[in-house]
């Protein structure tokens, strides 16, 4: 009987250890910026309640962190910049994309498909020479890259920074 009780206690201790380990692993793998991202999106939604959030990027600009929130509204593409420290909406842009244009999430999926595992550290959407383009910075294999991509998904530039 004593051996059965000891085995039961050993099993209980092992289960508790496994639960604690799995909780710690989950906490480490969770997005550390999720709360800030959600707060920035909530701030954006005050002025753009009908916007559908498509993609977000946290970037450092002039020593401050801000969120570039890419959204779609009424078939148009937009970018809302929100200062992380105060959740102040700094700028809202809205573009009429050409037919066949990729949303930011689709363009970044294509970038990952073409280049492999990349971390996007900066992403902008802007008109350049009459074309709507994604421009940004990425980290891949501990190296920094700059890229420019037409909204149709074709690469214009990919070079080490």
C-alpha atoms as a PDB file:
ATOM      1  CA  UNK A   1       0.000   0.000   0.000  1.00  0.00           C
ATOM      2  CA  UNK A   2       2.844   2.415   0.827  1.00  0.00           C
ATOM      3  CA  UNK A   3       4.405   1.889  -2.616  1.00  0.00           C
ATOM      4  CA  UNK A   4       1.118   2.741  -4.320  1.00  0.00           C
ATOM      5  CA  UNK A   5       0.805   5.973  -2.318  1.00  0.00           C
ATOM      6  CA  UNK A   6       4.412   6.899  -3.135  1.00  0.00           C
ATOM      7  CA  UNK A   7       3.814   6.215  -6.835  1.00  0.00           C
ATOM      8  CA  UNK A   8       0.653   8.322  -6.767  1.00  0.00           C
ATOM      9  CA  UNK A   9       2.509  11.204  -5.141  1.00  0.00           C
ATOM     10  CA  UNK A  10       5.348  10.910  -7.636  1.00  0.00           C
ATOM     11  CA  UNK A  11       2.818  11.037 -10.483  1.00  0.00           C
ATOM     12  CA  UNK A  12       1.111  14.087  -8.967  1.00  0.00           C
ATOM     13  CA  UNK A  13       4.455  15.879  -8.616  1.00  0.00           C
ATOM     14  CA  UNK A  14       5.421  15.000 -12.189  1.00  0.00           C
ATOM     15  CA  UNK A  15       2.097  16.271 -13.534  1.00  0.00           C
ATOM     16  CA  UNK A  16       2.479  19.519 -11.599  1.00  0.00           C
ATOM     17  CA  UNK A  17       6.022  19.975 -12.940  1.00  0.00           C
ATOM     18  CA  UNK A  18       4.872  19.343 -16.496  1.00  0.00           C
ATOM     19  CA  UNK A  19       2.064  21.886 -16.122  1.00  0.00           C
ATOM     20  CA  UNK A  20       4.458  24.484 -14.713  1.00  0.00           C
ATOM     21  CA  UNK A  21       6.995  23.881 -17.466  1.00  0.00           C
ATOM     22  CA  UNK A  22       4.379  24.095 -20.200  1.00  0.00           C
ATOM     23  CA  UNK A  23       3.001  27.345 -18.741  1.00  0.00           C
ATOM     24  CA  UNK A  24       6.479  28.862 -18.661  1.00  0.00           C
ATOM     25  CA  UNK A  25       7.190  27.786 -22.241  1.00  0.00           C
ATOM     26  CA  UNK A  26       3.871  29.227 -23.374  1.00  0.00           C
ATOM     27  CA  UNK A  27       4.556  32.515 -21.580  1.00  0.00           C
ATOM     28  CA  UNK A  28       7.956  32.801 -23.274  1.00  0.00           C
ATOM     29  CA  UNK A  29       6.543  32.078 -26.728  1.00  0.00           C
ATOM     30  CA  UNK A  30       3.589  34.460 -26.389  1.00  0.00           C
ATOM     31  CA  UNK A  31       3.788  37.771 -28.230  1.00  0.00           C
ATOM     32  CA  UNK A  32       5.379  40.242 -25.781  1.00  0.00           C
ATOM     33  CA  UNK A  33       3.763  43.184 -27.596  1.00  0.00           C
ATOM     34  CA  UNK A  34       0.222  41.825 -27.860  1.00  0.00           C
ATOM     35  CA  UNK A  35      -1.224  44.229 -25.275  1.00  0.00           C
ATOM     36  CA  UNK A  36       0.450  47.256 -26.894  1.00  0.00           C
ATOM     37  CA  UNK A  37      -0.736  46.132 -30.338  1.00  0.00           C
ATOM     38  CA  UNK A  38      -4.325  45.763 -29.130  1.00  0.00           C
ATOM     39  CA  UNK A  39      -4.219  49.188 -27.459  1.00  0.00           C
ATOM     40  CA  UNK A  40      -2.921  50.768 -30.677  1.00  0.00           C
ATOM     41  CA  UNK A  41      -5.637  49.052 -32.716  1.00  0.00           C
ATOM     42  CA  UNK A  42      -8.280  50.267 -30.242  1.00  0.00           C
ATOM     43  CA  UNK A  43      -6.970  53.832 -30.621  1.00  0.00           C
ATOM     44  CA  UNK A  44      -7.148  53.512 -34.414  1.00  0.00           C
ATOM     45  CA  UNK A  45     -10.697  52.137 -34.253  1.00  0.00           C
ATOM     46  CA  UNK A  46     -11.914  55.309 -32.522  1.00  0.00           C
ATOM     47  CA  UNK A  47     -11.365  57.285 -35.720  1.00  0.00           C
ATOM     48  CA  UNK A  48     -11.722  54.375 -38.174  1.00  0.00           C
ATOM     49  CA  UNK A  49     -14.444  52.095 -36.759  1.00  0.00           C
ATOM     50  CA  UNK A  50     -15.194  50.426 -40.118  1.00  0.00           C
ATOM     51  CA  UNK A  51     -11.544  49.616 -40.877  1.00  0.00           C
ATOM     52  CA  UNK A  52     -10.555  45.947 -41.082  1.00  0.00           C
ATOM     53  CA  UNK A  53      -7.076  45.461 -39.620  1.00  0.00           C
ATOM     54  CA  UNK A  54      -4.906  43.471 -42.005  1.00  0.00           C
ATOM     55  CA  UNK A  55      -1.316  43.656 -40.720  1.00  0.00           C
ATOM     56  CA  UNK A  56       0.661  45.397 -37.988  1.00  0.00           C
ATOM     57  CA  UNK A  57       4.324  46.294 -37.601  1.00  0.00           C
ATOM     58  CA  UNK A  58       6.013  47.745 -34.517  1.00  0.00           C
ATOM     59  CA  UNK A  59       8.844  50.033 -35.531  1.00  0.00           C
ATOM     60  CA  UNK A  60      11.225  52.446 -33.889  1.00  0.00           C
ATOM     61  CA  UNK A  61      11.040  55.955 -35.359  1.00  0.00           C
ATOM     62  CA  UNK A  62      12.979  58.925 -33.969  1.00  0.00           C
ATOM     63  CA  UNK A  63      13.704  57.004 -30.769  1.00  0.00           C
ATOM     64  CA  UNK A  64      10.042  56.167 -30.130  1.00  0.00           C
ATOM     65  CA  UNK A  65       8.078  53.029 -30.895  1.00  0.00           C
ATOM     66  CA  UNK A  66       5.031  53.278 -33.074  1.00  0.00           C
ATOM     67  CA  UNK A  67       2.648  50.858 -34.692  1.00  0.00           C
ATOM     68  CA  UNK A  68       1.999  50.885 -38.415  1.00  0.00           C
ATOM     69  CA  UNK A  69      -1.465  49.388 -38.693  1.00  0.00           C
ATOM     70  CA  UNK A  70      -2.380  48.367 -42.232  1.00  0.00           C
ATOM     71  CA  UNK A  71      -6.102  48.200 -42.847  1.00  0.00           C
ATOM     72  CA  UNK A  72      -8.700  47.801 -45.567  1.00  0.00           C
ATOM     73  CA  UNK A  73     -11.795  49.956 -45.760  1.00  0.00           C
ATOM     74  CA  UNK A  74     -14.306  50.061 -48.606  1.00  0.00           C
ATOM     75  CA  UNK A  75     -11.845  48.325 -50.953  1.00  0.00           C
ATOM     76  CA  UNK A  76      -9.122  50.852 -50.232  1.00  0.00           C
ATOM     77  CA  UNK A  77      -5.827  50.248 -48.424  1.00  0.00           C
ATOM     78  CA  UNK A  78      -4.799  52.365 -45.478  1.00  0.00           C
ATOM     79  CA  UNK A  79      -2.050  52.817 -42.936  1.00  0.00           C
ATOM     80  CA  UNK A  80      -2.575  54.283 -39.486  1.00  0.00           C
ATOM     81  CA  UNK A  81       0.464  55.238 -37.391  1.00  0.00           C
ATOM     82  CA  UNK A  82      -0.071  55.082 -33.633  1.00  0.00           C
ATOM     83  CA  UNK A  83       2.519  56.189 -31.076  1.00  0.00           C
ATOM     84  CA  UNK A  84       2.968  53.287 -28.646  1.00  0.00           C
ATOM     85  CA  UNK A  85       3.679  55.279 -25.470  1.00  0.00           C
ATOM     86  CA  UNK A  86       0.486  57.354 -25.639  1.00  0.00           C
ATOM     87  CA  UNK A  87      -1.656  55.553 -28.257  1.00  0.00           C
ATOM     88  CA  UNK A  88      -1.873  58.851 -30.100  1.00  0.00           C
ATOM     89  CA  UNK A  89      -2.932  58.469 -33.734  1.00  0.00           C
ATOM     90  CA  UNK A  90      -0.133  60.282 -35.553  1.00  0.00           C
ATOM     91  CA  UNK A  91      -1.148  59.841 -39.183  1.00  0.00           C
ATOM     92  CA  UNK A  92      -3.849  58.179 -41.244  1.00  0.00           C
ATOM     93  CA  UNK A  93      -3.361  57.459 -44.938  1.00  0.00           C
ATOM     94  CA  UNK A  94      -5.773  55.910 -47.413  1.00  0.00           C
ATOM     95  CA  UNK A  95      -4.887  54.720 -50.920  1.00  0.00           C
ATOM     96  CA  UNK A  96      -6.854  53.567 -53.959  1.00  0.00           C
ATOM     97  CA  UNK A  97      -5.011  50.389 -54.936  1.00  0.00           C
ATOM     98  CA  UNK A  98      -4.845  49.236 -58.538  1.00  0.00           C
ATOM     99  CA  UNK A  99      -6.661  46.060 -59.584  1.00  0.00           C
ATOM    100  CA  UNK A 100      -4.885  42.935 -58.356  1.00  0.00           C
ATOM    101  CA  UNK A 101      -3.101  44.721 -55.522  1.00  0.00           C
ATOM    102  CA  UNK A 102      -2.014  42.595 -52.557  1.00  0.00           C
ATOM    103  CA  UNK A 103      -2.957  43.620 -49.036  1.00  0.00           C
ATOM    104  CA  UNK A 104       0.001  44.029 -46.672  1.00  0.00           C
ATOM    105  CA  UNK A 105      -0.517  40.574 -45.148  1.00  0.00           C
ATOM    106  CA  UNK A 106      -0.544  38.968 -48.605  1.00  0.00           C
ATOM    107  CA  UNK A 107       2.533  40.901 -49.716  1.00  0.00           C
ATOM    108  CA  UNK A 108       4.452  39.901 -46.577  1.00  0.00           C
ATOM    109  CA  UNK A 109       3.396  36.273 -47.047  1.00  0.00           C
ATOM    110  CA  UNK A 110       4.789  36.456 -50.587  1.00  0.00           C
ATOM    111  CA  UNK A 111       8.002  37.997 -49.240  1.00  0.00           C
ATOM    112  CA  UNK A 112       8.359  35.110 -46.770  1.00  0.00           C
ATOM    113  CA  UNK A 113       7.624  32.606 -49.539  1.00  0.00           C
ATOM    114  CA  UNK A 114      10.313  34.131 -51.767  1.00  0.00           C
ATOM    115  CA  UNK A 115      12.991  34.886 -49.157  1.00  0.00           C
ATOM    116  CA  UNK A 116      12.304  32.494 -46.289  1.00  0.00           C
ATOM    117  CA  UNK A 117      11.855  33.280 -42.612  1.00  0.00           C
ATOM    118  CA  UNK A 118      12.042  37.062 -42.244  1.00  0.00           C
ATOM    119  CA  UNK A 119      11.159  39.449 -39.436  1.00  0.00           C
ATOM    120  CA  UNK A 120       9.635  42.669 -40.742  1.00  0.00           C
ATOM    121  CA  UNK A 121      10.975  45.602 -38.707  1.00  0.00           C
ATOM    122  CA  UNK A 122       9.574  48.454 -40.791  1.00  0.00           C
ATOM    123  CA  UNK A 123       6.894  48.622 -43.441  1.00  0.00           C
ATOM    124  CA  UNK A 124       5.412  51.556 -45.319  1.00  0.00           C
ATOM    125  CA  UNK A 125       2.895  51.875 -48.134  1.00  0.00           C
ATOM    126  CA  UNK A 126       3.438  54.834 -50.415  1.00  0.00           C
ATOM    127  CA  UNK A 127       3.265  56.114 -53.967  1.00  0.00           C
ATOM    128  CA  UNK A 128       6.671  56.084 -55.659  1.00  0.00           C
ATOM    129  CA  UNK A 129       7.124  57.137 -59.282  1.00  0.00           C
ATOM    130  CA  UNK A 130       3.406  56.751 -59.866  1.00  0.00           C
ATOM    131  CA  UNK A 131       3.218  53.231 -58.392  1.00  0.00           C
ATOM    132  CA  UNK A 132       1.836  52.104 -55.063  1.00  0.00           C
ATOM    133  CA  UNK A 133       4.616  50.203 -53.289  1.00  0.00           C
ATOM    134  CA  UNK A 134       5.518  48.527 -50.038  1.00  0.00           C
ATOM    135  CA  UNK A 135       8.884  49.627 -48.704  1.00  0.00           C
ATOM    136  CA  UNK A 136      10.462  48.230 -45.609  1.00  0.00           C
ATOM    137  CA  UNK A 137      13.225  46.653 -43.644  1.00  0.00           C
ATOM    138  CA  UNK A 138      13.584  43.043 -42.604  1.00  0.00           C
ATOM    139  CA  UNK A 139      15.926  40.840 -40.617  1.00  0.00           C
ATOM    140  CA  UNK A 140      16.859  37.433 -41.968  1.00  0.00           C
ATOM    141  CA  UNK A 141      19.636  35.216 -40.591  1.00  0.00           C
ATOM    142  CA  UNK A 142      20.729  38.077 -38.310  1.00  0.00           C
ATOM    143  CA  UNK A 143      21.266  40.355 -41.321  1.00  0.00           C
ATOM    144  CA  UNK A 144      19.302  43.498 -42.100  1.00  0.00           C
ATOM    145  CA  UNK A 145      17.754  44.038 -45.516  1.00  0.00           C
ATOM    146  CA  UNK A 146      15.864  46.833 -47.221  1.00  0.00           C
ATOM    147  CA  UNK A 147      13.192  45.954 -49.708  1.00  0.00           C
ATOM    148  CA  UNK A 148      10.757  47.540 -52.078  1.00  0.00           C
ATOM    149  CA  UNK A 149       7.851  45.656 -53.544  1.00  0.00           C
ATOM    150  CA  UNK A 150       5.109  46.683 -55.937  1.00  0.00           C
ATOM    151  CA  UNK A 151       1.604  46.060 -54.575  1.00  0.00           C
ATOM    152  CA  UNK A 152       1.171  43.382 -57.251  1.00  0.00           C
ATOM    153  CA  UNK A 153       3.851  41.375 -55.391  1.00  0.00           C
ATOM    154  CA  UNK A 154       6.784  41.922 -57.752  1.00  0.00           C
ATOM    155  CA  UNK A 155      10.130  42.716 -56.105  1.00  0.00           C
ATOM    156  CA  UNK A 156      11.792  45.951 -57.081  1.00  0.00           C
ATOM    157  CA  UNK A 157      14.612  45.869 -54.547  1.00  0.00           C
ATOM    158  CA  UNK A 158      16.066  43.473 -51.979  1.00  0.00           C
ATOM    159  CA  UNK A 159      19.470  44.445 -50.642  1.00  0.00           C
ATOM    160  CA  UNK A 160      21.551  44.173 -47.509  1.00  0.00           C
ATOM    161  CA  UNK A 161      21.444  47.255 -45.354  1.00  0.00           C
END
